[in-house]
Amino acid sequence: MANAEVPIVPVFLNAYYAPNQPTPGRCFALGEALARAVAAFPGGMRVGIMASGGLSHFVVDEAFDRVLLDALRRKDAGFFRTAPLAKLQSGSSEIRNWICVAGAAGGMDVAWSAYIPGYRTPALTGTGLAFASMR
């Protein structure tokens, strides 16, 4: 790709700073809107949608992280639209990015995923590290 031009459209989401954090429902709806916009592009372009951010942190919540990844595999729109706000605070607010991608992925299957609870201390601080690819 030395001379290839790859268009990139960054979309920033205020996942962290109150009082304007979007609700899970709005995050999912944004993802759905992105999918509709991509579907309307002319010429059969291949488009990738990517989100960054960890799952739970600063205290790792393995149980919730695994529930979220399972919901992604099951294509559970209801879960993503109503994800508990209490689980989306502080660093864990980055989960909102994952909710947007879940909305954009629609009926896609999870082709691959991995999860590593990244503990830093015996007090369970760290980050839930997850990676997924959908097609």
N, C-alpha and C. Protein backbone atom coordinates (compact mmCIF):
# COMPACT_ATOMS: atom_id res chain seq x y z
N MET A 1 0.82 -1.19 0.00
CA MET A 1 0.00 0.00 0.00
C MET A 1 0.86 1.26 0.00
N ALA A 2 2.04 1.19 -0.58
CA ALA A 2 2.97 2.32 -0.54
C ALA A 2 2.36 3.60 -1.10
N ASN A 3 1.66 3.53 -2.22
CA ASN A 3 1.10 4.72 -2.83
C ASN A 3 -0.43 4.74 -2.84
N ALA A 4 -1.02 3.81 -2.16
CA ALA A 4 -2.48 3.73 -2.15
C ALA A 4 -3.08 4.83 -1.28
N GLU A 5 -4.17 5.38 -1.76
CA GLU A 5 -4.90 6.35 -0.96
C GLU A 5 -6.07 5.63 -0.32
N VAL A 6 -6.07 5.59 0.99
CA VAL A 6 -7.13 4.93 1.73
C VAL A 6 -7.90 6.02 2.48
N PRO A 7 -9.12 6.30 2.03
CA PRO A 7 -9.88 7.33 2.73
C PRO A 7 -10.28 6.86 4.13
N ILE A 8 -10.16 7.77 5.07
CA ILE A 8 -10.51 7.48 6.45
C ILE A 8 -11.42 8.60 6.95
N VAL A 9 -12.50 8.22 7.60
CA VAL A 9 -13.41 9.20 8.20
C VAL A 9 -13.47 8.91 9.69
N PRO A 10 -12.72 9.67 10.49
CA PRO A 10 -12.77 9.42 11.94
C PRO A 10 -14.08 9.94 12.53
N VAL A 11 -14.63 9.17 13.43
CA VAL A 11 -15.83 9.57 14.17
C VAL A 11 -15.48 9.49 15.64
N PHE A 12 -15.60 10.59 16.33
CA PHE A 12 -15.25 10.63 17.74
C PHE A 12 -16.52 10.62 18.58
N LEU A 13 -16.50 9.84 19.62
CA LEU A 13 -17.63 9.70 20.53
C LEU A 13 -17.20 10.16 21.92
N ASN A 14 -17.97 11.03 22.51
CA ASN A 14 -17.67 11.46 23.88
C ASN A 14 -18.15 10.35 24.83
N ALA A 15 -17.31 9.39 25.04
CA ALA A 15 -17.68 8.28 25.92
C ALA A 15 -17.41 8.59 27.38
N TYR A 16 -16.63 9.60 27.65
CA TYR A 16 -16.09 9.77 29.00
C TYR A 16 -16.64 10.96 29.78
N TYR A 17 -16.74 12.11 29.15
CA TYR A 17 -17.00 13.35 29.89
C TYR A 17 -18.48 13.67 30.03
N ALA A 18 -18.94 13.69 31.29
CA ALA A 18 -20.30 14.11 31.59
C ALA A 18 -20.40 15.61 31.33
N PRO A 19 -21.54 16.15 31.04
CA PRO A 19 -22.85 15.49 31.09
C PRO A 19 -23.33 14.98 29.74
N ASN A 20 -22.46 14.98 28.73
CA ASN A 20 -22.92 14.68 27.37
C ASN A 20 -22.55 13.29 26.86
N GLN A 21 -22.45 12.33 27.74
CA GLN A 21 -22.18 10.97 27.29
C GLN A 21 -23.45 10.40 26.67
N PRO A 22 -23.36 9.79 25.49
CA PRO A 22 -24.56 9.21 24.90
C PRO A 22 -24.99 7.96 25.66
N THR A 23 -26.28 7.74 25.68
CA THR A 23 -26.81 6.52 26.30
C THR A 23 -26.44 5.32 25.44
N PRO A 24 -26.52 4.12 26.00
CA PRO A 24 -26.28 2.94 25.17
C PRO A 24 -27.20 2.89 23.95
N GLY A 25 -28.45 3.28 24.13
CA GLY A 25 -29.38 3.27 23.00
C GLY A 25 -28.94 4.20 21.89
N ARG A 26 -28.46 5.39 22.25
CA ARG A 26 -27.97 6.33 21.23
C ARG A 26 -26.69 5.83 20.57
N CYS A 27 -25.84 5.17 21.34
CA CYS A 27 -24.62 4.59 20.76
C CYS A 27 -24.98 3.53 19.72
N PHE A 28 -25.93 2.66 20.08
CA PHE A 28 -26.34 1.60 19.16
C PHE A 28 -26.97 2.22 17.91
N ALA A 29 -27.82 3.24 18.10
CA ALA A 29 -28.46 3.92 16.96
C ALA A 29 -27.43 4.59 16.06
N LEU A 30 -26.37 5.17 16.65
CA LEU A 30 -25.31 5.75 15.84
C LEU A 30 -24.66 4.68 14.97
N GLY A 31 -24.39 3.52 15.55
CA GLY A 31 -23.82 2.42 14.77
C GLY A 31 -24.75 2.01 13.63
N GLU A 32 -26.04 1.92 13.91
CA GLU A 32 -27.00 1.57 12.86
C GLU A 32 -27.00 2.62 11.75
N ALA A 33 -26.92 3.90 12.13
CA ALA A 33 -26.88 4.98 11.14
C ALA A 33 -25.61 4.90 10.29
N LEU A 34 -24.48 4.58 10.92
CA LEU A 34 -23.24 4.40 10.16
C LEU A 34 -23.39 3.27 9.15
N ALA A 35 -24.02 2.17 9.56
CA ALA A 35 -24.22 1.04 8.64
C ALA A 35 -25.10 1.45 7.46
N ARG A 36 -26.15 2.21 7.72
CA ARG A 36 -27.02 2.68 6.61
C ARG A 36 -26.25 3.60 5.67
N ALA A 37 -25.42 4.47 6.23
CA ALA A 37 -24.63 5.38 5.40
C ALA A 37 -23.66 4.59 4.52
N VAL A 38 -23.00 3.60 5.09
CA VAL A 38 -22.06 2.79 4.33
C VAL A 38 -22.79 2.01 3.24
N ALA A 39 -23.95 1.49 3.55
CA ALA A 39 -24.73 0.73 2.56
C ALA A 39 -25.14 1.60 1.38
N ALA A 40 -25.25 2.90 1.61
CA ALA A 40 -25.67 3.82 0.55
C ALA A 40 -24.50 4.29 -0.32
N PHE A 41 -23.26 3.96 0.05
CA PHE A 41 -22.12 4.37 -0.76
C PHE A 41 -22.22 3.76 -2.15
N PRO A 42 -21.84 4.49 -3.19
CA PRO A 42 -21.89 3.94 -4.55
C PRO A 42 -20.71 3.02 -4.83
N GLY A 43 -20.88 2.15 -5.80
CA GLY A 43 -19.76 1.40 -6.34
C GLY A 43 -19.28 0.18 -5.58
N GLY A 44 -20.03 -0.34 -4.64
CA GLY A 44 -19.63 -1.57 -3.97
C GLY A 44 -18.32 -1.47 -3.21
N MET A 45 -18.06 -0.34 -2.59
CA MET A 45 -16.84 -0.17 -1.81
C MET A 45 -16.76 -1.14 -0.65
N ARG A 46 -15.55 -1.54 -0.32
CA ARG A 46 -15.34 -2.30 0.91
C ARG A 46 -15.03 -1.30 2.01
N VAL A 47 -15.75 -1.42 3.10
CA VAL A 47 -15.61 -0.45 4.19
C VAL A 47 -15.42 -1.20 5.50
N GLY A 48 -14.50 -0.75 6.29
CA GLY A 48 -14.31 -1.30 7.63
C GLY A 48 -14.72 -0.27 8.66
N ILE A 49 -15.35 -0.73 9.73
CA ILE A 49 -15.70 0.14 10.84
C ILE A 49 -14.97 -0.42 12.05
N MET A 50 -14.27 0.45 12.76
CA MET A 50 -13.42 0.00 13.87
C MET A 50 -13.69 0.84 15.10
N ALA A 51 -13.62 0.21 16.23
CA ALA A 51 -13.71 0.93 17.50
C ALA A 51 -12.48 0.60 18.33
N SER A 52 -12.07 1.56 19.13
CA SER A 52 -10.97 1.28 20.04
C SER A 52 -11.46 1.53 21.46
N GLY A 53 -10.76 0.96 22.38
CA GLY A 53 -11.11 1.12 23.79
C GLY A 53 -11.22 -0.23 24.45
N GLY A 54 -10.86 -0.27 25.69
CA GLY A 54 -10.95 -1.51 26.43
C GLY A 54 -12.37 -1.77 26.88
N LEU A 55 -12.54 -2.90 27.52
CA LEU A 55 -13.82 -3.18 28.15
C LEU A 55 -13.71 -2.64 29.57
N SER A 56 -14.01 -3.44 30.58
CA SER A 56 -14.03 -2.90 31.94
C SER A 56 -12.64 -2.45 32.39
N HIS A 57 -12.59 -1.33 33.05
CA HIS A 57 -11.44 -0.85 33.78
C HIS A 57 -11.86 0.39 34.55
N PHE A 58 -11.32 0.66 35.56
CA PHE A 58 -10.05 0.40 36.20
C PHE A 58 -10.09 -0.83 37.11
N VAL A 59 -11.26 -1.28 37.46
CA VAL A 59 -11.40 -2.58 38.12
C VAL A 59 -11.96 -3.52 37.07
N VAL A 60 -11.28 -4.63 36.85
CA VAL A 60 -11.71 -5.60 35.83
C VAL A 60 -12.99 -6.29 36.29
N ASP A 61 -13.99 -6.29 35.42
CA ASP A 61 -15.27 -6.98 35.67
C ASP A 61 -15.41 -8.06 34.60
N GLU A 62 -14.71 -9.18 34.83
CA GLU A 62 -14.70 -10.26 33.85
C GLU A 62 -16.09 -10.74 33.50
N ALA A 63 -16.96 -10.86 34.50
CA ALA A 63 -18.31 -11.37 34.24
C ALA A 63 -19.04 -10.46 33.25
N PHE A 64 -19.01 -9.15 33.46
CA PHE A 64 -19.70 -8.25 32.54
C PHE A 64 -19.03 -8.24 31.16
N ASP A 65 -17.71 -8.24 31.13
CA ASP A 65 -17.00 -8.27 29.85
C ASP A 65 -17.43 -9.48 29.03
N ARG A 66 -17.52 -10.63 29.68
CA ARG A 66 -17.90 -11.86 28.96
C ARG A 66 -19.37 -11.81 28.52
N VAL A 67 -20.23 -11.21 29.33
CA VAL A 67 -21.64 -11.04 28.93
C VAL A 67 -21.71 -10.16 27.69
N LEU A 68 -20.94 -9.08 27.67
CA LEU A 68 -20.93 -8.19 26.52
C LEU A 68 -20.45 -8.90 25.26
N LEU A 69 -19.38 -9.65 25.35
CA LEU A 69 -18.88 -10.37 24.18
C LEU A 69 -19.85 -11.45 23.73
N ASP A 70 -20.53 -12.08 24.68
CA ASP A 70 -21.54 -13.07 24.32
C ASP A 70 -22.70 -12.40 23.59
N ALA A 71 -23.11 -11.21 24.05
CA ALA A 71 -24.18 -10.46 23.39
C ALA A 71 -23.78 -10.10 21.97
N LEU A 72 -22.51 -9.80 21.76
CA LEU A 72 -22.01 -9.50 20.42
C LEU A 72 -22.15 -10.74 19.52
N ARG A 73 -21.79 -11.90 20.05
CA ARG A 73 -21.91 -13.14 19.28
C ARG A 73 -23.36 -13.48 18.98
N ARG A 74 -24.26 -13.19 19.94
CA ARG A 74 -25.69 -13.50 19.77
C ARG A 74 -26.44 -12.41 19.00
N LYS A 75 -25.75 -11.31 18.68
CA LYS A 75 -26.37 -10.18 17.97
C LYS A 75 -27.55 -9.64 18.78
N ASP A 76 -27.34 -9.48 20.06
CA ASP A 76 -28.40 -9.10 21.01
C ASP A 76 -28.54 -7.58 21.08
N ALA A 77 -29.28 -7.02 20.13
CA ALA A 77 -29.47 -5.57 20.08
C ALA A 77 -30.10 -5.05 21.37
N GLY A 78 -31.02 -5.80 21.94
CA GLY A 78 -31.68 -5.37 23.18
C GLY A 78 -30.69 -5.16 24.31
N PHE A 79 -29.72 -6.05 24.44
CA PHE A 79 -28.70 -5.89 25.47
C PHE A 79 -27.93 -4.59 25.27
N PHE A 80 -27.50 -4.35 24.04
CA PHE A 80 -26.68 -3.17 23.77
C PHE A 80 -27.48 -1.88 23.95
N ARG A 81 -28.73 -1.88 23.56
CA ARG A 81 -29.55 -0.67 23.70
C ARG A 81 -29.82 -0.32 25.16
N THR A 82 -29.79 -1.32 26.03
CA THR A 82 -30.15 -1.09 27.44
C THR A 82 -29.02 -1.45 28.40
N ALA A 83 -27.79 -1.48 27.91
CA ALA A 83 -26.65 -1.82 28.78
C ALA A 83 -26.69 -0.92 30.02
N PRO A 84 -26.39 -1.48 31.19
CA PRO A 84 -26.49 -0.70 32.43
C PRO A 84 -25.48 0.44 32.49
N LEU A 85 -25.99 1.66 32.68
CA LEU A 85 -25.13 2.84 32.74
C LEU A 85 -24.08 2.72 33.85
N ALA A 86 -24.42 2.05 34.94
CA ALA A 86 -23.47 1.90 36.05
C ALA A 86 -22.22 1.16 35.61
N LYS A 87 -22.32 0.33 34.58
CA LYS A 87 -21.16 -0.42 34.07
C LYS A 87 -20.36 0.38 33.04
N LEU A 88 -20.85 1.58 32.68
CA LEU A 88 -20.23 2.36 31.61
C LEU A 88 -19.65 3.66 32.14
N GLN A 89 -19.06 3.63 33.31
CA GLN A 89 -18.50 4.82 33.94
C GLN A 89 -16.98 4.74 33.97
N SER A 90 -16.36 5.87 34.19
CA SER A 90 -14.91 5.98 34.29
C SER A 90 -14.28 5.37 33.03
N GLY A 91 -13.22 4.61 33.17
CA GLY A 91 -12.57 4.02 32.01
C GLY A 91 -13.45 3.04 31.27
N SER A 92 -14.38 2.41 31.99
CA SER A 92 -15.28 1.45 31.35
C SER A 92 -16.26 2.12 30.39
N SER A 93 -16.27 3.45 30.37
CA SER A 93 -17.13 4.17 29.44
C SER A 93 -16.73 3.89 27.99
N GLU A 94 -15.51 3.41 27.77
CA GLU A 94 -15.07 3.07 26.41
C GLU A 94 -15.89 1.94 25.80
N ILE A 95 -16.62 1.22 26.63
CA ILE A 95 -17.52 0.17 26.12
C ILE A 95 -18.54 0.77 25.17
N ARG A 96 -18.85 2.06 25.32
CA ARG A 96 -19.79 2.73 24.41
C ARG A 96 -19.32 2.62 22.96
N ASN A 97 -18.01 2.62 22.72
CA ASN A 97 -17.48 2.45 21.37
C ASN A 97 -17.84 1.07 20.83
N TRP A 98 -17.74 0.06 21.68
CA TRP A 98 -18.12 -1.29 21.28
C TRP A 98 -19.61 -1.36 20.95
N ILE A 99 -20.42 -0.62 21.71
CA ILE A 99 -21.87 -0.62 21.46
C ILE A 99 -22.15 -0.01 20.09
N CYS A 100 -21.44 1.05 19.72
CA CYS A 100 -21.62 1.63 18.38
C CYS A 100 -21.29 0.61 17.30
N VAL A 101 -20.20 -0.10 17.46
CA VAL A 101 -19.83 -1.10 16.46
C VAL A 101 -20.85 -2.25 16.42
N ALA A 102 -21.39 -2.61 17.57
CA ALA A 102 -22.43 -3.65 17.59
C ALA A 102 -23.62 -3.20 16.75
N GLY A 103 -23.98 -1.92 16.85
CA GLY A 103 -25.07 -1.40 16.03
C GLY A 103 -24.72 -1.41 14.55
N ALA A 104 -23.49 -1.07 14.23
CA ALA A 104 -23.05 -1.06 12.82
C ALA A 104 -22.94 -2.47 12.25
N ALA A 105 -22.60 -3.43 13.09
CA ALA A 105 -22.39 -4.81 12.61
C ALA A 105 -23.71 -5.50 12.28
N GLY A 106 -24.80 -5.03 12.87
CA GLY A 106 -26.12 -5.60 12.55
C GLY A 106 -26.14 -7.11 12.60
N GLY A 107 -26.38 -7.72 11.47
CA GLY A 107 -26.50 -9.17 11.40
C GLY A 107 -25.20 -9.90 11.15
N MET A 108 -24.08 -9.21 11.26
CA MET A 108 -22.79 -9.88 10.99
C MET A 108 -22.46 -10.87 12.10
N ASP A 109 -21.74 -11.89 11.71
CA ASP A 109 -21.27 -12.90 12.66
C ASP A 109 -19.91 -12.51 13.21
N VAL A 110 -19.67 -12.86 14.46
CA VAL A 110 -18.33 -12.70 15.03
C VAL A 110 -17.47 -13.79 14.42
N ALA A 111 -16.49 -13.38 13.62
CA ALA A 111 -15.61 -14.34 12.96
C ALA A 111 -14.49 -14.79 13.89
N TRP A 112 -14.10 -13.91 14.79
CA TRP A 112 -13.00 -14.20 15.70
C TRP A 112 -13.08 -13.25 16.88
N SER A 113 -12.76 -13.74 18.06
CA SER A 113 -12.67 -12.87 19.22
C SER A 113 -11.70 -13.46 20.23
N ALA A 114 -11.18 -12.58 21.06
CA ALA A 114 -10.29 -13.00 22.15
C ALA A 114 -10.52 -12.05 23.32
N TYR A 115 -10.36 -12.58 24.51
CA TYR A 115 -10.53 -11.77 25.71
C TYR A 115 -9.43 -12.14 26.71
N ILE A 116 -8.81 -11.11 27.25
CA ILE A 116 -7.78 -11.31 28.26
C ILE A 116 -8.06 -10.33 29.41
N PRO A 117 -8.35 -10.84 30.59
CA PRO A 117 -8.49 -9.94 31.73
C PRO A 117 -7.08 -9.51 32.17
N GLY A 118 -6.78 -8.25 31.93
CA GLY A 118 -5.43 -7.76 32.19
C GLY A 118 -5.31 -7.17 33.59
N TYR A 119 -5.08 -8.06 34.56
CA TYR A 119 -4.95 -7.60 35.95
C TYR A 119 -3.57 -7.00 36.18
N ARG A 120 -3.56 -5.87 36.90
CA ARG A 120 -2.28 -5.22 37.25
C ARG A 120 -1.92 -5.42 38.71
N THR A 121 -2.96 -5.60 39.55
CA THR A 121 -2.70 -5.70 40.99
C THR A 121 -3.59 -6.78 41.61
N PRO A 122 -3.26 -7.23 42.81
CA PRO A 122 -4.12 -8.18 43.51
C PRO A 122 -5.50 -7.59 43.84
N ALA A 123 -5.64 -6.27 43.78
CA ALA A 123 -6.91 -5.62 44.06
C ALA A 123 -7.85 -5.65 42.84
N LEU A 124 -7.46 -6.40 41.81
CA LEU A 124 -8.25 -6.60 40.59
C LEU A 124 -8.28 -5.37 39.68
N THR A 125 -7.36 -4.43 39.87
CA THR A 125 -7.30 -3.31 38.95
C THR A 125 -6.66 -3.76 37.65
N GLY A 126 -7.05 -3.12 36.59
CA GLY A 126 -6.52 -3.45 35.27
C GLY A 126 -7.55 -3.10 34.21
N THR A 127 -7.51 -3.85 33.11
CA THR A 127 -8.38 -3.60 31.97
C THR A 127 -8.80 -4.92 31.35
N GLY A 128 -10.07 -5.01 30.97
CA GLY A 128 -10.53 -6.14 30.17
C GLY A 128 -10.14 -5.89 28.72
N LEU A 129 -9.21 -6.68 28.21
CA LEU A 129 -8.69 -6.51 26.86
C LEU A 129 -9.43 -7.45 25.92
N ALA A 130 -10.09 -6.88 24.93
CA ALA A 130 -10.87 -7.71 24.01
C ALA A 130 -10.59 -7.28 22.58
N PHE A 131 -10.71 -8.25 21.69
CA PHE A 131 -10.52 -8.03 20.26
C PHE A 131 -11.57 -8.87 19.55
N ALA A 132 -12.13 -8.34 18.48
CA ALA A 132 -13.14 -9.10 17.74
C ALA A 132 -13.13 -8.65 16.29
N SER A 133 -13.51 -9.57 15.42
CA SER A 133 -13.66 -9.29 14.00
C SER A 133 -15.02 -9.84 13.58
N MET A 134 -15.78 -9.05 12.85
CA MET A 134 -17.11 -9.47 12.40
C MET A 134 -17.20 -9.40 10.90
N ARG A 135 -17.95 -10.32 10.34
CA ARG A 135 -18.17 -10.36 8.88
C ARG A 135 -19.62 -10.62 8.58
